[in-house]
C-alpha atoms as a PDB file:
ATOM      1  CA  MET A   1       4.902  32.701 -15.320  1.00  0.00           C
ATOM      2  CA  ALA A   2       4.333  31.510 -11.777  1.00  0.00           C
ATOM      3  CA  GLY A   3       5.498  28.054 -10.801  1.00  0.00           C
ATOM      4  CA  PRO A   4       4.044  25.709  -8.192  1.00  0.00           C
ATOM      5  CA  THR A   5       4.014  26.962  -4.641  1.00  0.00           C
ATOM      6  CA  PHE A   6       6.331  25.422  -2.070  1.00  0.00           C
ATOM      7  CA  ASP A   7       3.404  23.627  -0.414  1.00  0.00           C
ATOM      8  CA  LYS A   8       2.269  22.080  -3.703  1.00  0.00           C
ATOM      9  CA  LEU A   9       5.811  21.040  -4.562  1.00  0.00           C
ATOM     10  CA  ALA A  10       6.342  19.483  -1.130  1.00  0.00           C
ATOM     11  CA  LYS A  11       3.062  17.626  -1.457  1.00  0.00           C
ATOM     12  CA  ILE A  12       4.032  16.290  -4.883  1.00  0.00           C
ATOM     13  CA  MET A  13       7.459  15.187  -3.658  1.00  0.00           C
ATOM     14  CA  GLY A  14       5.929  13.518  -0.606  1.00  0.00           C
ATOM     15  CA  THR A  15       3.503  11.625  -2.814  1.00  0.00           C
ATOM     16  CA  GLU A  16       6.322  10.424  -5.038  1.00  0.00           C
ATOM     17  CA  ASP A  17       8.248   9.203  -2.021  1.00  0.00           C
ATOM     18  CA  LYS A  18       5.209   7.264  -0.797  1.00  0.00           C
ATOM     19  CA  GLU A  19       4.665   5.718  -4.223  1.00  0.00           C
ATOM     20  CA  ASP A  20       8.327   4.714  -4.406  1.00  0.00           C
ATOM     21  CA  ARG A  21       8.173   3.117  -0.955  1.00  0.00           C
ATOM     22  CA  VAL A  22       4.951   1.243  -1.746  1.00  0.00           C
ATOM     23  CA  ASN A  23       6.456  -0.023  -5.004  1.00  0.00           C
ATOM     24  CA  LYS A  24       9.532  -1.152  -3.107  1.00  0.00           C
ATOM     25  CA  ILE A  25       7.344  -2.953  -0.535  1.00  0.00           C
ATOM     26  CA  ILE A  26       5.419  -4.711  -3.306  1.00  0.00           C
ATOM     27  CA  GLY A  27       8.689  -5.712  -4.982  1.00  0.00           C
ATOM     28  CA  LYS A  28      10.060  -7.169  -1.752  1.00  0.00           C
ATOM     29  CA  ILE A  29       6.849  -9.140  -1.126  1.00  0.00           C
ATOM     30  CA  GLU A  30       7.068 -10.391  -4.714  1.00  0.00           C
ATOM     31  CA  GLU A  31      10.678 -11.534  -4.213  1.00  0.00           C
ATOM     32  CA  ARG A  32      10.290 -13.034  -0.751  1.00  0.00           C
ATOM     33  CA  LYS A  33       7.049 -14.892  -1.484  1.00  0.00           C
ATOM     34  CA  ASN A  34       8.009 -15.730  -5.088  1.00  0.00           C
ATOM     35  CA  VAL A  35       4.660 -14.457  -6.376  1.00  0.00           C
ATOM     36  CA  THR A  36       3.537 -12.151  -9.178  1.00  0.00           C
ATOM     37  CA  ARG A  37       3.537  -8.408  -8.661  1.00  0.00           C
ATOM     38  CA  ASP A  38      -0.277  -8.348  -8.829  1.00  0.00           C
ATOM     39  CA  PHE A  39      -0.527 -11.012  -6.136  1.00  0.00           C
ATOM     40  CA  ALA A  40       2.001  -9.168  -3.935  1.00  0.00           C
ATOM     41  CA  GLU A  41       0.002  -5.947  -4.327  1.00  0.00           C
ATOM     42  CA  LEU A  42      -3.202  -7.808  -3.451  1.00  0.00           C
ATOM     43  CA  LYS A  43      -1.640  -9.182  -0.254  1.00  0.00           C
ATOM     44  CA  LEU A  44      -0.467  -5.705   0.768  1.00  0.00           C
ATOM     45  CA  HIS A  45      -3.881  -4.285  -0.097  1.00  0.00           C
ATOM     46  CA  LYS A  46      -5.549  -6.904   2.115  1.00  0.00           C
ATOM     47  CA  LEU A  47      -3.402  -5.771   5.014  1.00  0.00           C
ATOM     48  CA  VAL A  48      -4.110  -2.053   4.676  1.00  0.00           C
ATOM     49  CA  CYS A  49      -7.646  -1.837   3.257  1.00  0.00           C
ATOM     50  CA  LYS A  50     -10.547  -1.941   5.665  1.00  0.00           C
ATOM     51  CA  GLY A  51     -13.100  -2.284   2.874  1.00  0.00           C
ATOM     52  CA  LYS A  52     -14.423   1.251   3.255  1.00  0.00           C
ATOM     53  CA  CYS A  53     -12.788   2.850   0.237  1.00  0.00           C
ATOM     54  CA  ASP A  54     -14.198   3.398  -3.230  1.00  0.00           C
ATOM     55  CA  TRP A  55     -11.990   0.652  -4.689  1.00  0.00           C
ATOM     56  CA  TYR A  56     -13.705  -1.933  -2.521  1.00  0.00           C
ATOM     57  CA  ARG A  57     -17.235  -0.485  -2.577  1.00  0.00           C
ATOM     58  CA  GLU A  58     -17.319  -0.091  -6.353  1.00  0.00           C
ATOM     59  CA  ARG A  59     -16.730  -3.782  -6.989  1.00  0.00           C
ATOM     60  CA  GLU A  60     -19.264  -6.546  -7.044  1.00  0.00           C
ATOM     61  CA  PRO A  61     -18.918  -9.001  -4.148  1.00  0.00           C
ATOM     62  CA  ALA A  62     -17.321 -11.571  -6.451  1.00  0.00           C
ATOM     63  CA  GLU A  63     -14.594  -9.057  -7.432  1.00  0.00           C
ATOM     64  CA  ARG A  64     -13.791  -8.044  -3.869  1.00  0.00           C
ATOM     65  CA  PHE A  65     -11.089  -9.798  -1.924  1.00  0.00           C
ATOM     66  CA  ASN A  66     -11.516 -11.866   1.195  1.00  0.00           C
ATOM     67  CA  LYS A  67      -9.433 -10.228   3.911  1.00  0.00           C
ATOM     68  CA  ASP A  68      -9.796 -13.320   6.086  1.00  0.00           C
ATOM     69  CA  ASP A  69      -7.494 -15.380   3.863  1.00  0.00           C
ATOM     70  CA  LEU A  70      -4.457 -13.285   4.814  1.00  0.00           C
ATOM     71  CA  THR A  71      -2.738 -15.530   7.340  1.00  0.00           C
ATOM     72  CA  GLU A  72      -1.154 -14.259  10.536  1.00  0.00           C
ATOM     73  CA  GLU A  73       2.214 -15.395   9.166  1.00  0.00           C
ATOM     74  CA  GLU A  74       1.705 -13.442   5.925  1.00  0.00           C
ATOM     75  CA  GLU A  75       0.570 -10.403   7.875  1.00  0.00           C
ATOM     76  CA  GLN A  76       3.689 -10.466  10.071  1.00  0.00           C
ATOM     77  CA  GLU A  77       5.967 -11.030   7.096  1.00  0.00           C
ATOM     78  CA  ILE A  78       4.470  -8.073   5.213  1.00  0.00           C
ATOM     79  CA  LYS A  79       4.705  -5.875   8.310  1.00  0.00           C
ATOM     80  CA  GLU A  80       8.420  -6.776   8.575  1.00  0.00           C
ATOM     81  CA  ILE A  81       8.918  -5.802   4.934  1.00  0.00           C
ATOM     82  CA  VAL A  82       7.059  -2.515   5.510  1.00  0.00           C
ATOM     83  CA  LYS A  83       9.239  -1.796   8.546  1.00  0.00           C
ATOM     84  CA  GLY A  84      12.384  -2.501   6.544  1.00  0.00           C
ATOM     85  CA  VAL A  85      11.361  -0.122   3.764  1.00  0.00           C
ATOM     86  CA  THR A  86       9.854   2.678   5.869  1.00  0.00           C
ATOM     87  CA  ASP A  87      12.127   2.453   8.936  1.00  0.00           C
ATOM     88  CA  SER A  88       8.928   2.623  10.970  1.00  0.00           C
ATOM     89  CA  GLU A  89       6.738   0.162  12.801  1.00  0.00           C
ATOM     90  CA  PHE A  90       3.531  -0.711  10.982  1.00  0.00           C
ATOM     91  CA  ASN A  91       1.014   1.722  12.467  1.00  0.00           C
ATOM     92  CA  GLU A  92      -2.100   3.634  11.466  1.00  0.00           C
ATOM     93  CA  THR A  93      -0.139   6.398   9.737  1.00  0.00           C
ATOM     94  CA  VAL A  94       1.873   3.916   7.685  1.00  0.00           C
ATOM     95  CA  ARG A  95      -1.294   1.959   6.883  1.00  0.00           C
ATOM     96  CA  LYS A  96      -3.048   5.124   5.683  1.00  0.00           C
ATOM     97  CA  ASP A  97      -0.060   6.168   3.546  1.00  0.00           C
ATOM     98  CA  ILE A  98       0.063   2.768   1.835  1.00  0.00           C
ATOM     99  CA  HIS A  99      -3.708   2.732   1.435  1.00  0.00           C
ATOM    100  CA  ALA A 100      -3.635   6.187  -0.158  1.00  0.00           C
ATOM    101  CA  VAL A 101      -1.221   4.951  -2.819  1.00  0.00           C
ATOM    102  CA  LEU A 102      -3.019   1.645  -3.493  1.00  0.00           C
ATOM    103  CA  CYS A 103      -6.645   2.728  -3.234  1.00  0.00           C
ATOM    104  CA  HIS A 104      -6.581   6.439  -4.016  1.00  0.00           C
ATOM    105  CA  PRO A 105      -3.769   7.097  -6.486  1.00  0.00           C
ATOM    106  CA  ILE A 106      -3.320  10.731  -7.480  1.00  0.00           C
END
């Protein structure tokens, strides 16, 4: 019986690492802002989602979030949390990795 190839296994492990990091980021937002996990996830989603994914498009306008209500202070605070968890500046690659976990879970 053949097992998963190295490439598939590496991809699976990489995905798990990303999910773990995103969960850690959400937990830290939850703690620092003293908000619910759902609210912390929503704030992170507002930072990384550009409104072009299926998650956003498939919802009625009333169900979508308003990205404009994420304050500059909240944005900076979340980026600091992301940097602390990922050991990387918030950049397009980091944004895409977080977005993949939040908007396109495997």
